C-alpha atoms as a PDB file:
ATOM      1  CA  MET A   1      -5.975 -26.332   8.076  1.00  0.00           C
ATOM      2  CA  ASN A   2      -5.926 -29.141   5.318  1.00  0.00           C
ATOM      3  CA  LYS A   3      -5.305 -28.778   1.813  1.00  0.00           C
ATOM      4  CA  LYS A   4      -8.845 -28.673   0.731  1.00  0.00           C
ATOM      5  CA  LYS A   5     -10.386 -25.897   2.965  1.00  0.00           C
ATOM      6  CA  ILE A   6      -7.383 -23.827   1.838  1.00  0.00           C
ATOM      7  CA  GLN A   7      -8.390 -24.648  -2.140  1.00  0.00           C
ATOM      8  CA  ILE A   8     -12.019 -23.584  -0.802  1.00  0.00           C
ATOM      9  CA  VAL A   9     -10.917 -20.170   0.615  1.00  0.00           C
ATOM     10  CA  TRP A  10      -8.553 -19.346  -1.666  1.00  0.00           C
ATOM     11  CA  GLY A  11     -11.174 -19.979  -4.717  1.00  0.00           C
ATOM     12  CA  THR A  12     -13.846 -17.673  -2.477  1.00  0.00           C
ATOM     13  CA  ALA A  13     -11.083 -15.067  -1.536  1.00  0.00           C
ATOM     14  CA  LEU A  14     -10.307 -14.941  -5.747  1.00  0.00           C
ATOM     15  CA  VAL A  15     -14.523 -14.435  -6.479  1.00  0.00           C
ATOM     16  CA  MET A  16     -15.043 -11.725  -4.172  1.00  0.00           C
ATOM     17  CA  ALA A  17     -11.645  -9.965  -5.373  1.00  0.00           C
ATOM     18  CA  GLY A  18     -13.057 -10.495  -8.952  1.00  0.00           C
ATOM     19  CA  LEU A  19     -16.096  -9.279  -7.483  1.00  0.00           C
ATOM     20  CA  GLY A  20     -14.539  -6.403  -6.080  1.00  0.00           C
ATOM     21  CA  VAL A  21     -12.892  -5.325  -9.390  1.00  0.00           C
ATOM     22  CA  PHE A  22     -16.697  -5.436 -11.118  1.00  0.00           C
ATOM     23  CA  TYR A  23     -17.731  -3.211  -7.937  1.00  0.00           C
ATOM     24  CA  ARG A  24     -14.546  -0.810  -8.519  1.00  0.00           C
ATOM     25  CA  ILE A  25     -14.383  -0.172 -11.915  1.00  0.00           C
ATOM     26  CA  PRO A  26     -17.201   3.099 -11.802  1.00  0.00           C
ATOM     27  CA  GLN A  27     -15.639   4.386  -9.140  1.00  0.00           C
ATOM     28  CA  VAL A  28     -11.882   4.346 -10.599  1.00  0.00           C
ATOM     29  CA  MET A  29     -12.430   5.325 -14.094  1.00  0.00           C
ATOM     30  CA  PRO A  30     -13.756   8.762 -13.827  1.00  0.00           C
ATOM     31  CA  LYS A  31     -10.248   9.441 -11.518  1.00  0.00           C
ATOM     32  CA  ILE A  32      -8.074   7.504 -14.265  1.00  0.00           C
ATOM     33  CA  ALA A  33      -9.871   9.426 -16.932  1.00  0.00           C
ATOM     34  CA  SER A  34      -9.004  12.506 -15.578  1.00  0.00           C
ATOM     35  CA  ILE A  35      -5.227  12.214 -16.196  1.00  0.00           C
ATOM     36  CA  GLU A  36      -3.796  13.730 -19.077  1.00  0.00           C
ATOM     37  CA  THR A  37      -1.277  10.663 -19.857  1.00  0.00           C
ATOM     38  CA  PHE A  38      -4.496   7.884 -19.955  1.00  0.00           C
ATOM     39  CA  SER A  39      -7.091  10.029 -20.851  1.00  0.00           C
ATOM     40  CA  ASN A  40      -6.874   8.319 -24.870  1.00  0.00           C
ATOM     41  CA  ALA A  41      -6.730   5.146 -23.282  1.00  0.00           C
ATOM     42  CA  THR A  42      -9.465   4.821 -21.146  1.00  0.00           C
ATOM     43  CA  GLY A  43     -10.725   1.929 -23.606  1.00  0.00           C
ATOM     44  CA  ILE A  44      -8.293  -0.099 -23.397  1.00  0.00           C
ATOM     45  CA  ILE A  45      -8.091   0.229 -19.224  1.00  0.00           C
ATOM     46  CA  GLN A  46     -11.516  -0.358 -18.970  1.00  0.00           C
ATOM     47  CA  PHE A  47     -11.200  -3.827 -21.267  1.00  0.00           C
ATOM     48  CA  CYS A  48      -7.832  -4.649 -18.849  1.00  0.00           C
ATOM     49  CA  PHE A  49      -9.758  -4.249 -15.519  1.00  0.00           C
ATOM     50  CA  TYR A  50     -12.933  -6.034 -16.879  1.00  0.00           C
ATOM     51  CA  THR A  51     -10.827  -8.688 -18.122  1.00  0.00           C
ATOM     52  CA  LEU A  52      -8.794  -8.979 -14.740  1.00  0.00           C
ATOM     53  CA  GLY A  53     -12.641  -9.497 -12.772  1.00  0.00           C
ATOM     54  CA  VAL A  54     -13.593 -12.064 -15.306  1.00  0.00           C
ATOM     55  CA  LEU A  55     -10.207 -14.236 -14.702  1.00  0.00           C
ATOM     56  CA  LEU A  56     -10.297 -13.835 -11.077  1.00  0.00           C
ATOM     57  CA  ILE A  57     -14.184 -15.014 -10.644  1.00  0.00           C
ATOM     58  CA  TYR A  58     -13.167 -17.805 -13.429  1.00  0.00           C
ATOM     59  CA  GLY A  59     -10.541 -19.116 -11.957  1.00  0.00           C
ATOM     60  CA  GLY A  60     -12.099 -18.718  -8.159  1.00  0.00           C
ATOM     61  CA  ALA A  61     -15.168 -20.576  -9.229  1.00  0.00           C
ATOM     62  CA  LYS A  62     -13.046 -23.080 -11.154  1.00  0.00           C
ATOM     63  CA  LYS A  63     -11.042 -24.047  -7.436  1.00  0.00           C
ATOM     64  CA  ILE A  64     -14.606 -24.143  -5.478  1.00  0.00           C
ATOM     65  CA  TYR A  65     -15.725 -26.815  -8.649  1.00  0.00           C
ATOM     66  CA  ASP A  66     -12.931 -28.561  -8.510  1.00  0.00           C
ATOM     67  CA  HIS A  67     -13.400 -29.295  -5.075  1.00  0.00           C
ATOM     68  CA  PHE A  68     -17.208 -30.499  -5.122  1.00  0.00           C
END
C-alpha cells in the first residue's frame, strides 16, 4: 500500500472512532456517574469525552480533506 492510501484509511478510522465516541457517551455516562469518586465530576468528564470525539473527527476529516 502506498502512503496516500494509508492516510485515507487512517483518516477514515479516526472519523469512525470519533463517531463511536459520540455513540457511546450516553451509554457510558450513567456507569461513570454511579462511581462515587466520579459522581461530582460528570460534567467535566462528559465535556472531555465530547472534546475527544470532536478532535478525532476533525483530525480524520483534515487528513481526508488534505488528500483531495
